[in-house]
Amino acid sequence: MAEGDTVLRTARRIDEALGGAEVSVSSPNPRGRIGGLERLDGKRLDRAEAHGKNLLLRFGDLVLHSHLGMNGAWHVYRQGGAWRKPAAAAWAVLSGEQWEAVQFGGPTLRVLRAGALRLDPQLAGLGPDILADDFDLAEAVRSLRGASDMQLGEALLDQRRIAGIGNIFKSEACFAARLGPWRRLGELDDADLQRVLRAARELMQRAVADGRHGRTVYRRAGRPCPACGRPIASRGQGDANRTTYWCPRCQGWRVTSGRPG
């Protein structure tokens, strides 16, 4: 799934290519015609921005909302350049004079009234954006405090608590902060939560800058921990059973009723 760093990089790339331009809009794949894209044809793209894993392209009083899910992607090409995917797979094509932004797949592609964003059920409930310029660490800690019974790893993925963190940076941030992802939030003090949130933000900012996901524990199950040498462990966590990676020695391991907890 595209995490907040990927979406922010995408927003910046689209803004650089098409920001301020009038665009023509087409939908080669019929799926893209469901969300009202034709309403944007000939409008000026004011700006592209990200909130967590959500991409928002603002066209005056209309906003194109995209969520890429597990397999979606936006590509930016020079006009006339070869695409990396078949044209029939494109849900949306936004074309300017020199550049075009092409969207392939994803669970959400829809046009909304700008004034409706703050009431929209998919967007209004999002927590603080971990990559926002005005990210408020104290506000983010308070948001996590509202889920004291949740395990840390699961809570970091809850977009209603903190927006933008995905499975990669959940595991990497917990390791960087030396906190067990299985610990309940109620067991952690504010300094612990601040540490893991700072780690997530710094790691994701680095990924925004260089486009790379440095992996210390993620998808390294069985390999030696770079800090202590013990094998990295992995296990499904939360209702979605997303795989968590951690070092049992550096981050601790407790068992409650036969499960990490």
Protein backbone atom coordinates (compact mmCIF):
# COMPACT_ATOMS: atom_id res chain seq x y z
CA MET A 1 0.00 0.00 0.00
CA ALA A 2 1.25 3.50 -0.82
CA GLU A 3 2.26 5.14 2.44
CA GLY A 4 2.24 8.83 3.22
CA ASP A 5 5.73 9.45 1.86
CA THR A 6 4.79 8.06 -1.57
CA VAL A 7 1.58 10.08 -1.71
CA LEU A 8 3.39 13.29 -0.71
CA ARG A 9 6.05 12.72 -3.39
CA THR A 10 3.26 12.13 -5.91
CA ALA A 11 1.47 15.33 -4.91
CA ARG A 12 4.67 17.33 -5.31
CA ARG A 13 5.41 15.76 -8.68
CA ILE A 14 1.92 16.47 -10.03
CA ASP A 15 2.00 20.00 -8.63
CA GLU A 16 5.34 20.65 -10.31
CA ALA A 17 4.12 19.30 -13.65
CA LEU A 18 0.54 20.60 -13.80
CA GLY A 19 0.03 23.11 -11.00
CA GLY A 20 -1.60 26.25 -12.42
CA ALA A 21 -2.39 24.60 -15.76
CA GLU A 22 -5.73 24.00 -17.41
CA VAL A 23 -6.07 20.29 -18.00
CA SER A 24 -8.06 18.06 -20.28
CA VAL A 25 -9.40 14.95 -18.59
CA SER A 26 -10.04 11.51 -20.02
CA SER A 27 -10.81 8.04 -18.64
CA PRO A 28 -9.51 5.23 -20.88
CA ASN A 29 -10.71 2.65 -18.36
CA PRO A 30 -14.47 2.79 -17.66
CA ARG A 31 -13.80 2.51 -13.92
CA GLY A 32 -12.53 6.09 -13.90
CA ARG A 33 -15.81 7.44 -15.26
CA ILE A 34 -17.72 6.50 -12.11
CA GLY A 35 -16.36 9.29 -9.93
CA GLY A 36 -17.43 12.31 -12.03
CA LEU A 37 -14.06 13.07 -13.65
CA GLU A 38 -15.72 14.77 -16.62
CA ARG A 39 -16.55 17.70 -14.32
CA LEU A 40 -12.85 18.60 -14.20
CA ASP A 41 -12.27 18.81 -17.95
CA GLY A 42 -10.90 22.23 -18.91
CA LYS A 43 -10.46 23.37 -15.29
CA ARG A 44 -7.25 24.74 -13.79
CA LEU A 45 -5.37 22.62 -11.26
CA ASP A 46 -4.73 25.02 -8.40
CA ARG A 47 -2.56 22.65 -6.40
CA ALA A 48 -1.95 19.05 -5.44
CA GLU A 49 -1.62 18.11 -1.78
CA ALA A 50 -1.51 15.07 0.45
CA HIS A 51 -3.17 14.20 3.74
CA GLY A 52 -1.76 10.94 4.99
CA LYS A 53 -2.42 8.34 2.28
CA ASN A 54 -4.94 10.55 0.48
CA LEU A 55 -4.11 12.65 -2.59
CA LEU A 56 -6.20 15.78 -3.12
CA LEU A 57 -6.06 17.66 -6.42
CA ARG A 58 -7.81 21.01 -6.07
CA PHE A 59 -9.64 22.57 -9.03
CA GLY A 60 -11.36 25.67 -7.65
CA ASP A 61 -14.56 24.53 -5.97
CA LEU A 62 -13.94 20.89 -6.94
CA VAL A 63 -11.44 18.38 -5.55
CA LEU A 64 -10.27 15.10 -7.05
CA HIS A 65 -9.74 12.64 -4.20
CA SER A 66 -7.52 9.61 -4.84
CA HIS A 67 -6.58 6.79 -2.50
CA LEU A 68 -4.22 4.25 -4.05
CA GLY A 69 -4.79 1.30 -1.75
CA MET A 70 -2.53 -1.70 -2.29
CA ASN A 71 -1.92 -1.48 -6.04
CA GLY A 72 -2.81 1.98 -7.34
CA ALA A 73 -0.30 4.48 -8.71
CA TRP A 74 0.01 7.91 -10.31
CA HIS A 75 2.60 8.40 -13.05
CA VAL A 76 3.75 11.70 -14.56
CA TYR A 77 4.93 11.72 -18.18
CA ARG A 78 5.97 14.27 -20.76
CA GLN A 79 3.34 14.64 -23.45
CA GLY A 80 3.94 11.95 -26.04
CA GLY A 81 6.18 9.88 -23.78
CA ALA A 82 5.76 6.12 -23.49
CA TRP A 83 3.68 4.90 -20.55
CA ARG A 84 4.89 2.11 -18.30
CA LYS A 85 1.43 0.52 -18.22
CA PRO A 86 -1.22 -0.11 -20.89
CA ALA A 87 -3.46 2.84 -21.73
CA ALA A 88 -6.53 0.68 -21.11
CA ALA A 89 -5.49 0.38 -17.44
CA ALA A 90 -5.59 4.15 -16.87
CA TRP A 91 -8.53 5.35 -14.81
CA ALA A 92 -7.69 9.04 -15.21
CA VAL A 93 -5.48 11.10 -17.50
CA LEU A 94 -4.92 14.78 -16.69
CA SER A 95 -3.21 16.42 -19.64
CA GLY A 96 -1.53 19.81 -19.83
CA GLU A 97 0.52 21.34 -22.61
CA GLN A 98 3.79 19.59 -21.71
CA TRP A 99 2.95 17.01 -19.05
CA GLU A 100 0.27 14.53 -18.15
CA ALA A 101 -0.56 12.77 -14.89
CA VAL A 102 -1.99 9.27 -15.25
CA GLN A 103 -3.70 7.27 -12.52
CA PHE A 104 -3.80 3.46 -12.55
CA GLY A 105 -6.01 1.55 -10.13
CA GLY A 106 -6.79 2.12 -6.48
CA PRO A 107 -10.00 1.85 -4.47
CA THR A 108 -10.93 5.55 -4.51
CA LEU A 109 -11.12 8.08 -7.33
CA ARG A 110 -13.91 10.62 -7.02
CA VAL A 111 -14.74 14.30 -7.42
CA LEU A 112 -16.03 16.23 -4.41
CA ARG A 113 -17.10 19.78 -3.68
CA ALA A 114 -14.31 21.55 -1.81
CA GLY A 115 -16.74 22.69 0.84
CA ALA A 116 -17.75 19.10 1.56
CA LEU A 117 -14.27 17.84 2.49
CA ARG A 118 -14.54 18.63 6.17
CA LEU A 119 -17.76 16.62 6.41
CA ASP A 120 -16.75 13.70 4.20
CA PRO A 121 -16.68 10.43 6.18
CA GLN A 122 -13.49 9.20 4.49
CA LEU A 123 -11.53 12.40 5.12
CA ALA A 124 -13.01 14.22 8.10
CA GLY A 125 -12.04 11.45 10.53
CA LEU A 126 -8.36 11.35 9.63
CA GLY A 127 -5.85 11.95 12.41
CA PRO A 128 -2.90 14.36 12.29
CA ASP A 129 -0.79 13.96 9.14
CA ILE A 130 2.62 12.62 10.18
CA LEU A 131 4.27 14.52 7.30
CA ALA A 132 2.38 17.81 7.52
CA ASP A 133 4.49 20.96 7.76
CA ASP A 134 2.45 21.96 10.82
CA PHE A 135 2.52 18.50 12.43
CA ASP A 136 1.82 18.92 16.15
CA LEU A 137 3.54 16.21 18.19
CA ALA A 138 1.49 16.91 21.31
CA GLU A 139 -1.76 16.67 19.32
CA ALA A 140 -0.60 13.36 17.84
CA VAL A 141 0.17 11.94 21.29
CA ARG A 142 -3.28 12.98 22.50
CA SER A 143 -4.79 11.23 19.49
CA LEU A 144 -3.02 7.98 20.38
CA ARG A 145 -4.04 8.34 24.01
CA GLY A 146 -7.64 7.86 22.89
CA ALA A 147 -6.91 4.19 22.20
CA SER A 148 -5.16 3.01 25.36
CA ASP A 149 -6.10 -0.67 24.86
CA MET A 150 -4.66 -0.88 21.34
CA GLN A 151 -1.24 -2.32 20.66
CA LEU A 152 1.28 0.21 19.45
CA GLY A 153 1.82 -1.36 16.03
CA GLU A 154 -1.91 -1.55 15.35
CA ALA A 155 -2.51 2.01 16.56
CA LEU A 156 0.16 3.44 14.26
CA LEU A 157 -1.73 1.98 11.29
CA ASP A 158 -5.05 3.46 12.41
CA GLN A 159 -5.50 6.45 10.09
CA ARG A 160 -8.04 7.94 12.50
CA ARG A 161 -5.23 8.24 15.04
CA ILE A 162 -2.27 9.21 12.85
CA ALA A 163 -2.57 9.64 9.09
CA GLY A 164 0.13 8.45 6.71
CA ILE A 165 1.95 5.60 8.46
CA GLY A 166 1.78 2.23 6.73
CA ASN A 167 3.17 -1.20 7.41
CA ILE A 168 6.75 -0.39 6.48
CA PHE A 169 7.12 2.61 8.75
CA LYS A 170 5.07 1.05 11.55
CA SER A 171 7.73 -1.62 11.94
CA GLU A 172 10.69 0.63 11.20
CA ALA A 173 9.60 3.38 13.60
CA CYS A 174 9.00 0.94 16.46
CA PHE A 175 12.47 -0.51 15.92
CA ALA A 176 14.11 2.92 15.71
CA ALA A 177 12.39 3.90 18.97
CA ARG A 178 13.24 0.51 20.56
CA LEU A 179 9.61 -0.02 21.50
CA GLY A 180 7.78 -3.31 21.20
CA PRO A 181 4.93 -3.07 18.67
CA TRP A 182 2.89 -5.42 20.87
CA ARG A 183 2.80 -3.10 23.87
CA ARG A 184 -0.51 -1.49 24.76
CA LEU A 185 -0.63 2.29 24.45
CA GLY A 186 -1.77 2.52 28.05
CA GLU A 187 1.56 0.99 29.13
CA LEU A 188 3.59 3.67 27.37
CA ASP A 189 4.30 7.16 28.65
CA ASP A 190 4.21 10.34 26.57
CA ALA A 191 7.97 10.25 26.03
CA ASP A 192 7.66 6.77 24.46
CA LEU A 193 4.91 7.92 22.10
CA GLN A 194 6.82 11.06 21.19
CA ARG A 195 9.89 8.98 20.42
CA VAL A 196 8.12 6.58 18.07
CA LEU A 197 6.24 9.40 16.31
CA ARG A 198 9.45 11.38 15.82
CA ALA A 199 11.11 8.26 14.42
CA ALA A 200 8.25 7.68 11.98
CA ARG A 201 8.28 11.29 10.83
CA GLU A 202 12.05 11.41 10.36
CA LEU A 203 12.16 8.10 8.48
CA MET A 204 9.30 9.13 6.23
CA GLN A 205 10.76 12.58 5.57
CA ARG A 206 13.96 10.87 4.48
CA ALA A 207 11.94 8.64 2.13
CA VAL A 208 10.18 11.68 0.67
CA ALA A 209 13.56 13.27 -0.02
CA ASP A 210 15.31 10.32 -1.66
CA GLY A 211 12.43 8.11 -2.81
CA ARG A 212 13.79 5.06 -1.02
CA HIS A 213 12.44 2.95 1.83
CA GLY A 214 15.36 2.02 4.04
CA ARG A 215 14.56 -1.33 5.65
CA THR A 216 16.15 -2.37 8.92
CA VAL A 217 13.55 -4.92 10.05
CA TYR A 218 10.71 -4.79 7.51
CA ARG A 219 10.56 -8.02 5.48
CA ARG A 220 13.80 -9.19 7.09
CA ALA A 221 12.34 -12.01 9.20
CA GLY A 222 15.00 -14.52 10.18
CA ARG A 223 17.89 -12.22 9.34
CA PRO A 224 20.12 -10.88 12.11
CA CYS A 225 19.13 -7.69 13.87
CA PRO A 226 21.68 -5.01 12.92
CA ALA A 227 21.90 -3.95 16.58
CA CYS A 228 22.14 -7.23 18.49
CA GLY A 229 22.35 -10.04 15.94
CA ARG A 230 19.25 -11.91 17.11
CA PRO A 231 16.93 -13.04 14.26
CA ILE A 232 14.21 -10.59 13.31
CA ALA A 233 10.74 -11.93 14.11
CA SER A 234 7.48 -11.46 12.23
CA ARG A 235 3.83 -12.05 13.00
CA GLY A 236 0.39 -10.84 11.90
CA GLN A 237 -1.11 -8.10 14.05
CA GLY A 238 -4.52 -6.47 14.41
CA ASP A 239 -7.85 -7.18 12.78
CA ALA A 240 -6.29 -6.87 9.32
CA ASN A 241 -3.47 -9.26 10.31
CA ARG A 242 -0.82 -7.00 8.77
CA THR A 243 2.63 -8.50 9.32
CA THR A 244 4.74 -6.79 11.96
CA TYR A 245 8.54 -7.15 12.06
CA TRP A 246 10.58 -6.57 15.21
CA CYS A 247 13.62 -7.63 17.20
CA PRO A 248 12.54 -9.60 20.31
CA ARG A 249 15.70 -8.62 22.17
CA CYS A 250 16.00 -4.91 21.29
CA GLN A 251 12.27 -4.21 21.47
CA GLY A 252 11.16 -6.73 24.06
CA TRP A 253 8.72 -9.60 24.00
CA ARG A 254 5.89 -10.34 26.36
CA VAL A 255 3.32 -13.10 26.03
CA THR A 256 -0.28 -12.72 27.18
CA SER A 257 -2.63 -15.67 26.68
CA GLY A 258 -0.20 -17.21 24.23
CA ARG A 259 0.04 -14.13 22.04
CA PRO A 260 2.45 -11.19 21.91
CA GLY A 261 0.92 -8.40 23.96
